[in-house]
C-alpha atoms as a PDB file:
ATOM      1  CA  MET A   1      10.966  -6.306  -4.447  1.00  0.00           C
ATOM      2  CA  ILE A   2      10.561  -6.783  -8.157  1.00  0.00           C
ATOM      3  CA  LYS A   3      11.122  -3.982 -10.642  1.00  0.00           C
ATOM      4  CA  PHE A   4      10.570  -3.850 -14.405  1.00  0.00           C
ATOM      5  CA  GLU A   5      12.014  -1.317 -16.780  1.00  0.00           C
ATOM      6  CA  GLU A   6      11.337  -0.568 -20.430  1.00  0.00           C
ATOM      7  CA  ILE A   7       8.527  -3.094 -20.729  1.00  0.00           C
ATOM      8  CA  LYS A   8       7.541  -3.521 -24.386  1.00  0.00           C
ATOM      9  CA  ILE A   9       5.170  -6.079 -25.897  1.00  0.00           C
ATOM     10  CA  LYS A  10       4.624  -5.976 -29.634  1.00  0.00           C
ATOM     11  CA  TYR A  11       2.563  -8.021 -32.073  1.00  0.00           C
ATOM     12  CA  LYS A  12       4.004  -7.494 -35.628  1.00  0.00           C
ATOM     13  CA  GLU A  13       4.357  -3.696 -35.865  1.00  0.00           C
ATOM     14  CA  ASN A  14       1.775  -2.891 -33.177  1.00  0.00           C
ATOM     15  CA  LEU A  15       2.927  -1.854 -29.679  1.00  0.00           C
ATOM     16  CA  LEU A  16       0.466  -3.567 -27.376  1.00  0.00           C
ATOM     17  CA  LEU A  17       1.953  -2.490 -23.999  1.00  0.00           C
ATOM     18  CA  PHE A  18       4.641  -0.082 -22.838  1.00  0.00           C
ATOM     19  CA  ALA A  19       5.711   0.918 -19.401  1.00  0.00           C
ATOM     20  CA  GLU A  20       8.870   2.808 -18.591  1.00  0.00           C
ATOM     21  CA  LYS A  21       9.157   1.596 -14.995  1.00  0.00           C
ATOM     22  CA  PHE A  22       7.057  -0.485 -12.690  1.00  0.00           C
ATOM     23  CA  GLU A  23       7.932  -1.711  -9.176  1.00  0.00           C
ATOM     24  CA  ILE A  24       6.195  -3.989  -6.592  1.00  0.00           C
ATOM     25  CA  LYS A  25       7.540  -4.019  -3.113  1.00  0.00           C
ATOM     26  CA  LYS A  26       7.365  -7.043  -0.817  1.00  0.00           C
ATOM     27  CA  GLY A  27       3.864  -7.244   0.765  1.00  0.00           C
ATOM     28  CA  GLU A  28       2.506  -4.618  -1.575  1.00  0.00           C
ATOM     29  CA  LYS A  29      -0.722  -5.231  -3.479  1.00  0.00           C
ATOM     30  CA  ILE A  30      -1.587  -3.708  -6.866  1.00  0.00           C
ATOM     31  CA  PHE A  31      -4.969  -2.856  -8.378  1.00  0.00           C
ATOM     32  CA  LEU A  32      -5.521  -2.923 -12.107  1.00  0.00           C
ATOM     33  CA  THR A  33      -8.663  -1.425 -13.643  1.00  0.00           C
ATOM     34  CA  GLY A  34      -9.696  -0.714 -17.213  1.00  0.00           C
ATOM     35  CA  SER A  35     -12.122  -1.659 -19.929  1.00  0.00           C
ATOM     36  CA  SER A  36     -12.196  -4.931 -21.642  1.00  0.00           C
ATOM     37  CA  GLY A  37      -9.294  -5.331 -24.102  1.00  0.00           C
ATOM     38  CA  GLN A  38      -7.082  -2.672 -22.450  1.00  0.00           C
ATOM     39  CA  GLY A  39      -4.207  -5.032 -21.615  1.00  0.00           C
ATOM     40  CA  LYS A  40      -4.745  -5.977 -17.949  1.00  0.00           C
ATOM     41  CA  THR A  41      -4.393  -9.714 -18.533  1.00  0.00           C
ATOM     42  CA  LEU A  42      -1.460  -9.164 -20.885  1.00  0.00           C
ATOM     43  CA  PHE A  43       0.272  -7.082 -18.258  1.00  0.00           C
ATOM     44  CA  LEU A  44      -0.245  -9.745 -15.529  1.00  0.00           C
ATOM     45  CA  ARG A  45       1.040 -12.452 -17.831  1.00  0.00           C
ATOM     46  CA  TYR A  46       4.128 -10.296 -18.411  1.00  0.00           C
ATOM     47  CA  LEU A  47       4.721  -9.843 -14.641  1.00  0.00           C
ATOM     48  CA  GLY A  48       4.378 -13.580 -14.022  1.00  0.00           C
ATOM     49  CA  GLY A  49       6.725 -14.480 -16.928  1.00  0.00           C
ATOM     50  CA  PHE A  50       3.977 -16.340 -18.721  1.00  0.00           C
ATOM     51  CA  LEU A  51       4.373 -14.781 -22.201  1.00  0.00           C
ATOM     52  CA  ASP A  52       6.698 -17.608 -23.393  1.00  0.00           C
ATOM     53  CA  PHE A  53       3.491 -19.396 -24.327  1.00  0.00           C
ATOM     54  CA  PHE A  54       2.860 -16.710 -26.992  1.00  0.00           C
ATOM     55  CA  PRO A  55       5.851 -16.894 -29.330  1.00  0.00           C
ATOM     56  CA  GLU A  56       4.244 -14.548 -31.841  1.00  0.00           C
ATOM     57  CA  LEU A  57       4.659 -11.642 -29.339  1.00  0.00           C
ATOM     58  CA  GLU A  58       7.892  -9.707 -29.161  1.00  0.00           C
ATOM     59  CA  LYS A  59       8.816  -9.129 -25.533  1.00  0.00           C
ATOM     60  CA  GLU A  60      11.438  -6.728 -24.202  1.00  0.00           C
ATOM     61  CA  GLY A  61      12.415  -5.359 -20.850  1.00  0.00           C
ATOM     62  CA  LEU A  62      14.649  -5.604 -17.844  1.00  0.00           C
ATOM     63  CA  VAL A  63      13.668  -7.318 -14.594  1.00  0.00           C
ATOM     64  CA  PHE A  64      15.281  -6.599 -11.259  1.00  0.00           C
ATOM     65  CA  LEU A  65      14.453  -9.336  -8.726  1.00  0.00           C
ATOM     66  CA  LYS A  66      16.203  -8.961  -5.390  1.00  0.00           C
ATOM     67  CA  ASP A  67      18.519  -6.407  -7.039  1.00  0.00           C
ATOM     68  CA  GLU A  68      19.647  -8.954  -9.638  1.00  0.00           C
ATOM     69  CA  LYS A  69      19.233  -7.630 -13.225  1.00  0.00           C
ATOM     70  CA  LYS A  70      17.897  -9.961 -15.889  1.00  0.00           C
ATOM     71  CA  ASP A  71      16.579  -9.527 -19.407  1.00  0.00           C
ATOM     72  CA  TYR A  72      12.973 -10.656 -19.780  1.00  0.00           C
ATOM     73  CA  GLN A  73      13.771 -13.938 -21.594  1.00  0.00           C
ATOM     74  CA  THR A  74      16.139 -14.996 -18.738  1.00  0.00           C
ATOM     75  CA  TYR A  75      13.488 -14.030 -16.258  1.00  0.00           C
ATOM     76  CA  CYS A  76      10.973 -16.324 -18.029  1.00  0.00           C
ATOM     77  CA  ASP A  77      13.425 -19.186 -18.311  1.00  0.00           C
ATOM     78  CA  ASN A  78      14.231 -18.972 -14.575  1.00  0.00           C
ATOM     79  CA  ASN A  79      10.755 -18.183 -13.290  1.00  0.00           C
ATOM     80  CA  PHE A  80      10.578 -17.848  -9.575  1.00  0.00           C
ATOM     81  CA  ASP A  81       9.007 -20.326  -7.177  1.00  0.00           C
ATOM     82  CA  SER A  82       5.447 -19.028  -7.221  1.00  0.00           C
ATOM     83  CA  PHE A  83       3.342 -16.310  -8.629  1.00  0.00           C
ATOM     84  CA  TYR A  84      -0.167 -15.556  -7.307  1.00  0.00           C
ATOM     85  CA  ILE A  85      -2.807 -13.520  -9.035  1.00  0.00           C
ATOM     86  CA  GLY A  86      -5.844 -13.045  -6.775  1.00  0.00           C
ATOM     87  CA  GLN A  87      -9.157 -11.605  -7.830  1.00  0.00           C
ATOM     88  CA  ASP A  88     -11.369 -10.319  -5.059  1.00  0.00           C
ATOM     89  CA  ALA A  89     -14.924  -9.299  -5.776  1.00  0.00           C
END
Protein backbone atom coordinates (compact mmCIF):
# COMPACT_ATOMS: atom_id res chain seq x y z
CA MET A 1 0.00 0.00 0.00
CA ILE A 2 1.07 3.55 -0.69
CA LYS A 3 -0.76 6.55 0.69
CA PHE A 4 -0.27 10.25 -0.01
CA GLU A 5 -1.54 13.10 2.16
CA GLU A 6 -1.65 16.85 1.60
CA ILE A 7 -0.33 16.66 -1.96
CA LYS A 8 0.49 20.15 -3.23
CA ILE A 9 2.30 21.14 -6.40
CA LYS A 10 2.83 24.84 -7.09
CA TYR A 11 4.46 26.86 -9.83
CA LYS A 12 5.29 30.34 -8.52
CA GLU A 13 2.02 31.39 -6.84
CA ASN A 14 -0.22 29.03 -8.81
CA LEU A 15 -1.52 25.85 -7.20
CA LEU A 16 -1.36 23.23 -9.95
CA LEU A 17 -2.50 20.19 -8.00
CA PHE A 18 -3.95 19.52 -4.57
CA ALA A 19 -5.25 16.30 -3.05
CA GLU A 20 -6.02 15.86 0.63
CA LYS A 21 -5.61 12.05 0.66
CA PHE A 22 -4.94 9.40 -1.95
CA GLU A 23 -4.28 5.71 -1.38
CA ILE A 24 -3.42 2.79 -3.66
CA LYS A 25 -3.61 -0.70 -2.20
CA LYS A 26 -1.46 -3.60 -3.40
CA GLY A 27 -2.84 -5.04 -6.62
CA GLU A 28 -5.26 -2.15 -7.08
CA LYS A 29 -5.47 -0.35 -10.42
CA ILE A 30 -6.36 3.30 -10.84
CA PHE A 31 -8.02 5.05 -13.75
CA LEU A 32 -7.42 8.72 -14.52
CA THR A 33 -9.53 10.63 -16.95
CA GLY A 34 -9.76 14.27 -17.89
CA SER A 35 -9.26 16.79 -20.62
CA SER A 36 -5.87 17.76 -21.95
CA GLY A 37 -3.97 19.97 -19.50
CA GLN A 38 -5.95 18.94 -16.42
CA GLY A 39 -2.96 17.46 -14.52
CA LYS A 40 -3.11 13.70 -15.18
CA THR A 41 0.55 13.40 -16.19
CA LEU A 42 1.67 15.75 -13.41
CA PHE A 43 -0.21 13.61 -10.89
CA LEU A 44 1.40 10.39 -12.18
CA ARG A 45 4.85 11.98 -12.09
CA TYR A 46 4.16 12.95 -8.47
CA LEU A 47 3.13 9.40 -7.58
CA GLY A 48 6.27 7.98 -9.18
CA GLY A 49 8.57 10.47 -7.46
CA PHE A 50 9.67 11.91 -10.80
CA LEU A 51 9.14 15.61 -10.06
CA ASP A 52 12.76 16.08 -8.97
CA PHE A 53 13.46 16.73 -12.65
CA PHE A 54 11.35 19.91 -12.39
CA PRO A 55 13.13 22.10 -9.79
CA GLU A 56 10.91 25.09 -10.61
CA LEU A 57 7.93 23.30 -9.04
CA GLU A 58 7.27 23.45 -5.29
CA LYS A 59 6.31 19.98 -4.08
CA GLU A 60 4.78 19.14 -0.71
CA GLY A 61 3.13 16.16 0.84
CA LEU A 62 3.52 13.11 3.01
CA VAL A 63 4.04 9.61 1.68
CA PHE A 64 3.24 6.44 3.61
CA LEU A 65 4.93 3.45 2.02
CA LYS A 66 4.46 0.19 3.91
CA ASP A 67 3.34 2.29 6.90
CA GLU A 68 6.62 4.24 6.91
CA LYS A 69 6.01 7.99 6.83
CA LYS A 70 8.26 10.16 4.62
CA ASP A 71 8.13 13.68 3.33
CA TYR A 72 7.91 13.95 -0.45
CA GLN A 73 11.57 14.92 -0.97
CA THR A 74 12.79 11.89 1.01
CA TYR A 75 10.43 9.72 -1.01
CA CYS A 76 11.97 11.05 -4.26
CA ASP A 77 15.52 10.60 -2.96
CA ASN A 78 14.83 6.98 -1.98
CA ASN A 79 12.56 6.02 -4.85
CA PHE A 80 11.43 2.41 -4.66
CA ASP A 81 12.56 -0.43 -6.93
CA SER A 82 10.10 0.05 -9.76
CA PHE A 83 7.17 2.08 -10.87
CA TYR A 84 4.95 1.08 -13.77
CA ILE A 85 2.48 3.28 -15.59
CA GLY A 86 0.51 1.31 -18.15
CA GLN A 87 -1.75 2.75 -20.77
CA ASP A 88 -4.31 0.37 -22.24
CA ALA A 89 -6.37 1.42 -25.22
